[in-house]
Amino acid sequence: MAPPPLSLPPPLFPFFSLFRSGVFFFVQNLLQLPALYRRSRQHHGEAQITTAEFGHIYSTANTVVGVTFTTSDDVLQRIYDKAVSCEEGNRKEFLPGLHVVVEGSVYRNVWLETQPMGGAMWAARNVTEALANSLVFLRTQRVDGRLPGMVSSATDGVGSSYLTAMYCYARGDGSLLQGNYWSVPAVDVAFFMNQSVPDGTGGPDMAAYVGELHVALEAFDDWMWRTRHGRGTETGALIC
């Protein structure tokens, strides 16, 4: 009886072809980094924004949507209560009447990478404060469309608060280009604004906020394509 035919694995050529293409694309973007980095740092540094310059803070009809959690498990209840207490401790007044949720621990500022999401997570408890976590980036966008990587609060010599928006590290060892982690959480906040109005329309402030958000995201997208575009490949740079 003849032995059964050998079952050979599929040829590896397609895999190596894809791998070679991926490596080539990676190296091509890597070689562009110096020029891309220089362009992304144009007009780098910081900007200071006062309360008057910040503008209107959208109102929400019901700032507290509400969250409750109780359990007969004492350990779980203590963990939950401690988590809520810690997050409440992350609330910080950046400008008079403008409270944001900072990252926490030793990080007392807001970063584009994380804090729009942090605000959206807090929206079920306080929509106004969640909204502020988006507004601090909306209202500190550069005229060329660049969004700040970090926003912090400071006080001048007479006790007036102002925002400091940082787009790139001044010492030149980082671009603070953290990616667009903002759009989805910002829209989530709009959803909670809608929930906070009894008739479910969100009111005129929600529509105005979404309109402002639309303009800002388009401007940031345009800035990305102008400054992070690689050698006419019709693709953005993979590495920040």
C-alpha atoms as a PDB file:
ATOM      1  CA  MET A   1       0.000   0.000   0.000  1.00  0.00           C
ATOM      2  CA  ALA A   2       1.431   3.328  -1.033  1.00  0.00           C
ATOM      3  CA  PRO A   3       2.093   5.859   1.751  1.00  0.00           C
ATOM      4  CA  PRO A   4      -0.220   8.895   1.848  1.00  0.00           C
ATOM      5  CA  PRO A   5       1.065  11.997   0.048  1.00  0.00           C
ATOM      6  CA  LEU A   6       2.990  14.450   2.147  1.00  0.00           C
ATOM      7  CA  SER A   7       1.010  17.479   3.340  1.00  0.00           C
ATOM      8  CA  LEU A   8       3.318  20.411   2.733  1.00  0.00           C
ATOM      9  CA  PRO A   9       2.811  23.803   4.409  1.00  0.00           C
ATOM     10  CA  PRO A  10       1.800  26.679   2.126  1.00  0.00           C
ATOM     11  CA  PRO A  11       4.701  28.473   0.457  1.00  0.00           C
ATOM     12  CA  LEU A  12       6.284  31.186   2.557  1.00  0.00           C
ATOM     13  CA  PHE A  13       6.744  33.575  -0.362  1.00  0.00           C
ATOM     14  CA  PRO A  14       3.555  35.604   0.341  1.00  0.00           C
ATOM     15  CA  PHE A  15       4.596  36.035   3.968  1.00  0.00           C
ATOM     16  CA  PHE A  16       8.107  37.179   3.099  1.00  0.00           C
ATOM     17  CA  SER A  17       6.725  39.478   0.422  1.00  0.00           C
ATOM     18  CA  LEU A  18       4.415  41.150   2.910  1.00  0.00           C
ATOM     19  CA  PHE A  19       7.186  41.284   5.505  1.00  0.00           C
ATOM     20  CA  ARG A  20       9.585  42.881   3.013  1.00  0.00           C
ATOM     21  CA  SER A  21       6.950  45.467   2.038  1.00  0.00           C
ATOM     22  CA  GLY A  22       6.269  46.259   5.684  1.00  0.00           C
ATOM     23  CA  VAL A  23       9.962  46.691   6.485  1.00  0.00           C
ATOM     24  CA  PHE A  24      10.446  48.914   3.438  1.00  0.00           C
ATOM     25  CA  PHE A  25       7.478  51.097   4.428  1.00  0.00           C
ATOM     26  CA  PHE A  26       8.747  51.332   8.016  1.00  0.00           C
ATOM     27  CA  VAL A  27      12.276  52.302   6.936  1.00  0.00           C
ATOM     28  CA  GLN A  28      10.911  54.829   4.445  1.00  0.00           C
ATOM     29  CA  ASN A  29       8.981  56.580   7.208  1.00  0.00           C
ATOM     30  CA  LEU A  30      11.929  56.287   9.571  1.00  0.00           C
ATOM     31  CA  LEU A  31      14.191  58.108   7.131  1.00  0.00           C
ATOM     32  CA  GLN A  32      11.680  60.946   6.956  1.00  0.00           C
ATOM     33  CA  LEU A  33      11.578  61.512  10.704  1.00  0.00           C
ATOM     34  CA  PRO A  34      14.105  64.369  10.938  1.00  0.00           C
ATOM     35  CA  ALA A  35      12.290  66.499   8.351  1.00  0.00           C
ATOM     36  CA  LEU A  36       8.860  65.584   9.700  1.00  0.00           C
ATOM     37  CA  TYR A  37       9.971  66.371  13.230  1.00  0.00           C
ATOM     38  CA  ARG A  38      11.314  69.793  12.212  1.00  0.00           C
ATOM     39  CA  ARG A  39       8.082  70.649  10.398  1.00  0.00           C
ATOM     40  CA  SER A  40       5.912  69.489  13.292  1.00  0.00           C
ATOM     41  CA  ARG A  41       7.874  71.773  15.649  1.00  0.00           C
ATOM     42  CA  GLN A  42       7.317  74.948  13.642  1.00  0.00           C
ATOM     43  CA  HIS A  43       6.075  77.681  15.991  1.00  0.00           C
ATOM     44  CA  HIS A  44       6.753  75.298  18.870  1.00  0.00           C
ATOM     45  CA  GLY A  45       6.603  76.136  22.527  1.00  0.00           C
ATOM     46  CA  GLU A  46       3.772  77.398  24.686  1.00  0.00           C
ATOM     47  CA  ALA A  47       0.770  79.698  24.645  1.00  0.00           C
ATOM     48  CA  GLN A  48      -0.959  81.368  27.588  1.00  0.00           C
ATOM     49  CA  ILE A  49      -4.742  81.816  27.633  1.00  0.00           C
ATOM     50  CA  THR A  50      -6.564  83.967  30.154  1.00  0.00           C
ATOM     51  CA  THR A  51     -10.136  83.564  31.390  1.00  0.00           C
ATOM     52  CA  ALA A  52     -11.337  86.347  29.080  1.00  0.00           C
ATOM     53  CA  GLU A  53      -9.645  84.725  26.080  1.00  0.00           C
ATOM     54  CA  PHE A  54     -11.046  81.277  26.905  1.00  0.00           C
ATOM     55  CA  GLY A  55     -14.594  82.330  26.069  1.00  0.00           C
ATOM     56  CA  HIS A  56     -18.021  80.928  26.808  1.00  0.00           C
ATOM     57  CA  ILE A  57     -18.295  77.723  28.825  1.00  0.00           C
ATOM     58  CA  TYR A  58     -21.278  75.810  27.501  1.00  0.00           C
ATOM     59  CA  SER A  59     -23.973  75.213  30.069  1.00  0.00           C
ATOM     60  CA  THR A  60     -25.679  71.896  30.750  1.00  0.00           C
ATOM     61  CA  ALA A  61     -29.184  71.809  32.169  1.00  0.00           C
ATOM     62  CA  ASN A  62     -28.321  69.048  34.621  1.00  0.00           C
ATOM     63  CA  THR A  63     -24.633  68.942  35.436  1.00  0.00           C
ATOM     64  CA  VAL A  64     -24.907  65.756  37.498  1.00  0.00           C
ATOM     65  CA  VAL A  65     -26.364  62.789  35.628  1.00  0.00           C
ATOM     66  CA  GLY A  66     -25.807  60.389  38.499  1.00  0.00           C
ATOM     67  CA  VAL A  67     -24.091  57.107  39.299  1.00  0.00           C
ATOM     68  CA  THR A  68     -24.832  54.771  42.205  1.00  0.00           C
ATOM     69  CA  PHE A  69     -23.276  51.457  43.141  1.00  0.00           C
ATOM     70  CA  THR A  70     -23.889  49.381  46.258  1.00  0.00           C
ATOM     71  CA  THR A  71     -22.987  45.820  47.074  1.00  0.00           C
ATOM     72  CA  SER A  72     -23.152  43.513  50.082  1.00  0.00           C
ATOM     73  CA  ASP A  73     -19.506  42.611  49.443  1.00  0.00           C
ATOM     74  CA  ASP A  74     -17.654  44.833  51.912  1.00  0.00           C
ATOM     75  CA  VAL A  75     -14.291  44.511  50.174  1.00  0.00           C
ATOM     76  CA  LEU A  76     -15.728  45.393  46.775  1.00  0.00           C
ATOM     77  CA  GLN A  77     -17.661  48.312  48.237  1.00  0.00           C
ATOM     78  CA  ARG A  78     -14.524  49.704  49.873  1.00  0.00           C
ATOM     79  CA  ILE A  79     -12.603  49.380  46.596  1.00  0.00           C
ATOM     80  CA  TYR A  80     -15.359  51.226  44.749  1.00  0.00           C
ATOM     81  CA  ASP A  81     -15.631  53.964  47.363  1.00  0.00           C
ATOM     82  CA  LYS A  82     -11.858  54.426  47.350  1.00  0.00           C
ATOM     83  CA  ALA A  83     -11.793  54.659  43.548  1.00  0.00           C
ATOM     84  CA  VAL A  84     -14.508  57.320  43.565  1.00  0.00           C
ATOM     85  CA  SER A  85     -12.694  59.243  46.283  1.00  0.00           C
ATOM     86  CA  CYS A  86      -9.428  59.159  44.319  1.00  0.00           C
ATOM     87  CA  GLU A  87     -11.123  60.380  41.148  1.00  0.00           C
ATOM     88  CA  GLU A  88     -12.878  63.178  42.998  1.00  0.00           C
ATOM     89  CA  GLY A  89      -9.438  64.205  44.197  1.00  0.00           C
ATOM     90  CA  ASN A  90      -8.391  64.567  40.551  1.00  0.00           C
ATOM     91  CA  ARG A  91     -10.844  67.422  40.004  1.00  0.00           C
ATOM     92  CA  LYS A  92      -8.957  70.672  39.661  1.00  0.00           C
ATOM     93  CA  GLU A  93     -10.015  74.259  38.965  1.00  0.00           C
ATOM     94  CA  PHE A  94      -8.011  75.401  35.941  1.00  0.00           C
ATOM     95  CA  LEU A  95      -9.792  78.731  35.538  1.00  0.00           C
ATOM     96  CA  PRO A  96     -12.468  80.377  37.689  1.00  0.00           C
ATOM     97  CA  GLY A  97     -15.574  78.238  37.168  1.00  0.00           C
ATOM     98  CA  LEU A  98     -13.726  75.765  34.923  1.00  0.00           C
ATOM     99  CA  HIS A  99     -13.037  72.452  36.663  1.00  0.00           C
ATOM    100  CA  VAL A 100     -11.291  69.638  34.825  1.00  0.00           C
ATOM    101  CA  VAL A 101     -10.352  66.070  35.695  1.00  0.00           C
ATOM    102  CA  VAL A 102      -6.569  65.755  35.668  1.00  0.00           C
ATOM    103  CA  GLU A 103      -4.732  62.505  35.091  1.00  0.00           C
ATOM    104  CA  GLY A 104      -3.981  61.940  38.761  1.00  0.00           C
ATOM    105  CA  SER A 105      -1.086  60.805  40.928  1.00  0.00           C
ATOM    106  CA  VAL A 106       1.871  63.110  40.167  1.00  0.00           C
ATOM    107  CA  TYR A 107       0.278  64.186  36.871  1.00  0.00           C
ATOM    108  CA  ARG A 108      -1.633  67.369  37.673  1.00  0.00           C
ATOM    109  CA  ASN A 109      -2.188  68.533  34.096  1.00  0.00           C
ATOM    110  CA  VAL A 110      -4.332  67.341  31.190  1.00  0.00           C
ATOM    111  CA  TRP A 111      -2.843  65.527  28.208  1.00  0.00           C
ATOM    112  CA  LEU A 112      -4.491  65.077  24.828  1.00  0.00           C
ATOM    113  CA  GLU A 113      -3.483  61.434  25.020  1.00  0.00           C
ATOM    114  CA  THR A 114      -5.681  60.600  28.015  1.00  0.00           C
ATOM    115  CA  GLN A 115      -7.813  63.322  29.526  1.00  0.00           C
ATOM    116  CA  PRO A 116     -10.567  63.782  26.951  1.00  0.00           C
ATOM    117  CA  MET A 117     -11.259  60.131  27.739  1.00  0.00           C
ATOM    118  CA  GLY A 118     -10.923  60.880  31.462  1.00  0.00           C
ATOM    119  CA  GLY A 119     -13.534  63.598  31.081  1.00  0.00           C
ATOM    120  CA  ALA A 120     -15.896  61.350  29.136  1.00  0.00           C
ATOM    121  CA  MET A 121     -15.625  58.708  31.870  1.00  0.00           C
ATOM    122  CA  TRP A 122     -16.562  61.378  34.428  1.00  0.00           C
ATOM    123  CA  ALA A 123     -19.501  62.618  32.335  1.00  0.00           C
ATOM    124  CA  ALA A 124     -21.982  60.297  34.018  1.00  0.00           C
ATOM    125  CA  ARG A 125     -21.243  62.170  37.247  1.00  0.00           C
ATOM    126  CA  ASN A 126     -20.701  65.709  36.016  1.00  0.00           C
ATOM    127  CA  VAL A 127     -21.264  66.682  32.390  1.00  0.00           C
ATOM    128  CA  THR A 128     -19.932  70.209  32.819  1.00  0.00           C
ATOM    129  CA  GLU A 129     -16.572  69.022  34.117  1.00  0.00           C
ATOM    130  CA  ALA A 130     -16.385  66.365  31.395  1.00  0.00           C
ATOM    131  CA  LEU A 131     -17.040  69.088  28.832  1.00  0.00           C
ATOM    132  CA  ALA A 132     -14.206  71.170  30.277  1.00  0.00           C
ATOM    133  CA  ASN A 133     -11.779  68.337  29.517  1.00  0.00           C
ATOM    134  CA  SER A 134     -12.529  68.878  25.837  1.00  0.00           C
ATOM    135  CA  LEU A 135     -12.829  72.657  25.918  1.00  0.00           C
ATOM    136  CA  VAL A 136      -9.297  73.116  27.281  1.00  0.00           C
ATOM    137  CA  PHE A 137      -8.011  71.598  24.028  1.00  0.00           C
ATOM    138  CA  LEU A 138     -10.606  73.219  21.775  1.00  0.00           C
ATOM    139  CA  ARG A 139      -9.848  76.688  23.082  1.00  0.00           C
ATOM    140  CA  THR A 140      -6.048  76.324  23.015  1.00  0.00           C
ATOM    141  CA  GLN A 141      -5.721  75.061  19.440  1.00  0.00           C
ATOM    142  CA  ARG A 142      -3.106  76.966  17.459  1.00  0.00           C
ATOM    143  CA  VAL A 143      -4.148  79.036  14.459  1.00  0.00           C
ATOM    144  CA  ASP A 144      -2.395  76.531  12.168  1.00  0.00           C
ATOM    145  CA  GLY A 145      -4.592  73.701  13.509  1.00  0.00           C
ATOM    146  CA  ARG A 146      -2.111  72.082  15.861  1.00  0.00           C
ATOM    147  CA  LEU A 147      -3.645  70.844  19.120  1.00  0.00           C
ATOM    148  CA  PRO A 148      -1.618  71.093  22.325  1.00  0.00           C
ATOM    149  CA  GLY A 149      -0.224  67.910  23.781  1.00  0.00           C
ATOM    150  CA  MET A 150      -0.611  69.214  27.327  1.00  0.00           C
ATOM    151  CA  VAL A 151      -2.552  71.979  29.082  1.00  0.00           C
ATOM    152  CA  SER A 152      -1.821  73.159  32.595  1.00  0.00           C
ATOM    153  CA  SER A 153      -3.021  75.888  34.928  1.00  0.00           C
ATOM    154  CA  ALA A 154      -0.921  78.624  36.506  1.00  0.00           C
ATOM    155  CA  THR A 155      -1.386  81.813  38.503  1.00  0.00           C
ATOM    156  CA  ASP A 156       0.247  85.157  37.862  1.00  0.00           C
ATOM    157  CA  GLY A 157       1.673  87.537  40.434  1.00  0.00           C
ATOM    158  CA  VAL A 158      -1.701  89.067  41.298  1.00  0.00           C
ATOM    159  CA  GLY A 159      -3.514  85.764  41.716  1.00  0.00           C
ATOM    160  CA  SER A 160      -5.232  85.539  38.313  1.00  0.00           C
ATOM    161  CA  SER A 161      -5.363  82.092  36.752  1.00  0.00           C
ATOM    162  CA  TYR A 162      -4.463  81.330  33.154  1.00  0.00           C
ATOM    163  CA  LEU A 163      -3.939  78.246  31.005  1.00  0.00           C
ATOM    164  CA  THR A 164      -0.596  77.238  29.566  1.00  0.00           C
ATOM    165  CA  ALA A 165      -0.846  75.125  26.414  1.00  0.00           C
ATOM    166  CA  MET A 166       2.272  73.211  25.403  1.00  0.00           C
ATOM    167  CA  TYR A 167       2.632  72.009  21.836  1.00  0.00           C
ATOM    168  CA  CYS A 168       6.235  70.791  21.939  1.00  0.00           C
ATOM    169  CA  TYR A 169       8.820  70.476  24.656  1.00  0.00           C
ATOM    170  CA  ALA A 170      10.828  73.680  24.600  1.00  0.00           C
ATOM    171  CA  ARG A 171      14.061  71.821  25.271  1.00  0.00           C
ATOM    172  CA  GLY A 172      13.669  70.079  21.929  1.00  0.00           C
ATOM    173  CA  ASP A 173      13.586  66.384  22.876  1.00  0.00           C
ATOM    174  CA  GLY A 174       9.964  65.615  22.126  1.00  0.00           C
ATOM    175  CA  SER A 175       7.166  66.776  19.860  1.00  0.00           C
ATOM    176  CA  LEU A 176       4.248  66.102  22.242  1.00  0.00           C
ATOM    177  CA  LEU A 177       2.419  64.808  19.197  1.00  0.00           C
ATOM    178  CA  GLN A 178       0.438  62.117  20.951  1.00  0.00           C
ATOM    179  CA  GLY A 179      -2.116  61.257  18.338  1.00  0.00           C
ATOM    180  CA  ASN A 180      -5.790  62.057  18.029  1.00  0.00           C
ATOM    181  CA  TYR A 181      -7.205  60.287  21.054  1.00  0.00           C
ATOM    182  CA  TRP A 182      -9.758  63.047  21.429  1.00  0.00           C
ATOM    183  CA  SER A 183     -12.485  62.752  18.807  1.00  0.00           C
ATOM    184  CA  VAL A 184     -14.441  59.761  20.165  1.00  0.00           C
ATOM    185  CA  PRO A 185     -14.423  60.868  23.852  1.00  0.00           C
ATOM    186  CA  ALA A 186     -15.414  64.383  22.778  1.00  0.00           C
ATOM    187  CA  VAL A 187     -18.431  62.997  20.948  1.00  0.00           C
ATOM    188  CA  ASP A 188     -19.250  60.862  24.007  1.00  0.00           C
ATOM    189  CA  VAL A 189     -19.446  64.084  26.002  1.00  0.00           C
ATOM    190  CA  ALA A 190     -21.958  65.431  23.485  1.00  0.00           C
ATOM    191  CA  PHE A 191     -24.050  62.330  24.108  1.00  0.00           C
ATOM    192  CA  PHE A 192     -24.112  63.035  27.844  1.00  0.00           C
ATOM    193  CA  MET A 193     -24.953  66.674  27.165  1.00  0.00           C
ATOM    194  CA  ASN A 194     -27.937  65.360  25.237  1.00  0.00           C
ATOM    195  CA  GLN A 195     -28.909  63.108  28.141  1.00  0.00           C
ATOM    196  CA  SER A 196     -28.732  66.004  30.580  1.00  0.00           C
ATOM    197  CA  VAL A 197     -31.566  67.896  28.871  1.00  0.00           C
ATOM    198  CA  PRO A 198     -35.059  66.585  29.706  1.00  0.00           C
ATOM    199  CA  ASP A 199     -36.405  66.766  26.146  1.00  0.00           C
ATOM    200  CA  GLY A 200     -33.400  64.854  24.772  1.00  0.00           C
ATOM    201  CA  THR A 201     -32.454  67.512  22.234  1.00  0.00           C
ATOM    202  CA  GLY A 202     -29.255  68.524  23.946  1.00  0.00           C
ATOM    203  CA  GLY A 203     -30.212  72.167  23.667  1.00  0.00           C
ATOM    204  CA  PRO A 204     -28.459  74.893  21.665  1.00  0.00           C
ATOM    205  CA  ASP A 205     -25.221  74.556  23.630  1.00  0.00           C
ATOM    206  CA  MET A 206     -24.756  70.927  22.565  1.00  0.00           C
ATOM    207  CA  ALA A 207     -25.216  71.893  18.902  1.00  0.00           C
ATOM    208  CA  ALA A 208     -22.749  74.767  19.302  1.00  0.00           C
ATOM    209  CA  TYR A 209     -20.229  72.474  21.023  1.00  0.00           C
ATOM    210  CA  VAL A 210     -20.462  69.840  18.277  1.00  0.00           C
ATOM    211  CA  GLY A 211     -20.020  72.568  15.657  1.00  0.00           C
ATOM    212  CA  GLU A 212     -16.927  73.902  17.410  1.00  0.00           C
ATOM    213  CA  LEU A 213     -15.598  70.367  17.747  1.00  0.00           C
ATOM    214  CA  HIS A 214     -16.109  69.710  14.031  1.00  0.00           C
ATOM    215  CA  VAL A 215     -14.120  72.790  13.023  1.00  0.00           C
ATOM    216  CA  ALA A 216     -11.275  71.946  15.448  1.00  0.00           C
ATOM    217  CA  LEU A 217     -10.936  68.332  14.301  1.00  0.00           C
ATOM    218  CA  GLU A 218     -10.930  69.347  10.646  1.00  0.00           C
ATOM    219  CA  ALA A 219      -8.218  71.936  11.342  1.00  0.00           C
ATOM    220  CA  PHE A 220      -6.122  69.389  13.225  1.00  0.00           C
ATOM    221  CA  ASP A 221      -6.530  66.853  10.421  1.00  0.00           C
ATOM    222  CA  ASP A 222      -5.411  69.462   7.900  1.00  0.00           C
ATOM    223  CA  TRP A 223      -2.393  70.305  10.044  1.00  0.00           C
ATOM    224  CA  MET A 224      -1.454  66.621  10.295  1.00  0.00           C
ATOM    225  CA  TRP A 225      -1.532  66.179   6.518  1.00  0.00           C
ATOM    226  CA  ARG A 226       0.476  69.345   5.938  1.00  0.00           C
ATOM    227  CA  THR A 227       3.224  68.530   8.427  1.00  0.00           C
ATOM    228  CA  ARG A 228       3.218  64.728   8.797  1.00  0.00           C
ATOM    229  CA  HIS A 229       2.841  63.794   5.139  1.00  0.00           C
ATOM    230  CA  GLY A 230       5.563  61.555   3.762  1.00  0.00           C
ATOM    231  CA  ARG A 231       7.204  62.091   0.379  1.00  0.00           C
ATOM    232  CA  GLY A 232       4.028  62.150  -1.670  1.00  0.00           C
ATOM    233  CA  THR A 233       3.082  58.609  -0.619  1.00  0.00           C
ATOM    234  CA  GLU A 234      -0.432  59.766   0.303  1.00  0.00           C
ATOM    235  CA  THR A 235       0.074  58.311   3.761  1.00  0.00           C
ATOM    236  CA  GLY A 236       0.740  60.009   7.070  1.00  0.00           C
ATOM    237  CA  ALA A 237       3.882  59.327   9.057  1.00  0.00           C
ATOM    238  CA  LEU A 238       3.620  56.218  11.191  1.00  0.00           C
ATOM    239  CA  ILE A 239       5.953  57.400  13.918  1.00  0.00           C
ATOM    240  CA  CYS A 240       5.515  60.522  16.037  1.00  0.00           C
END
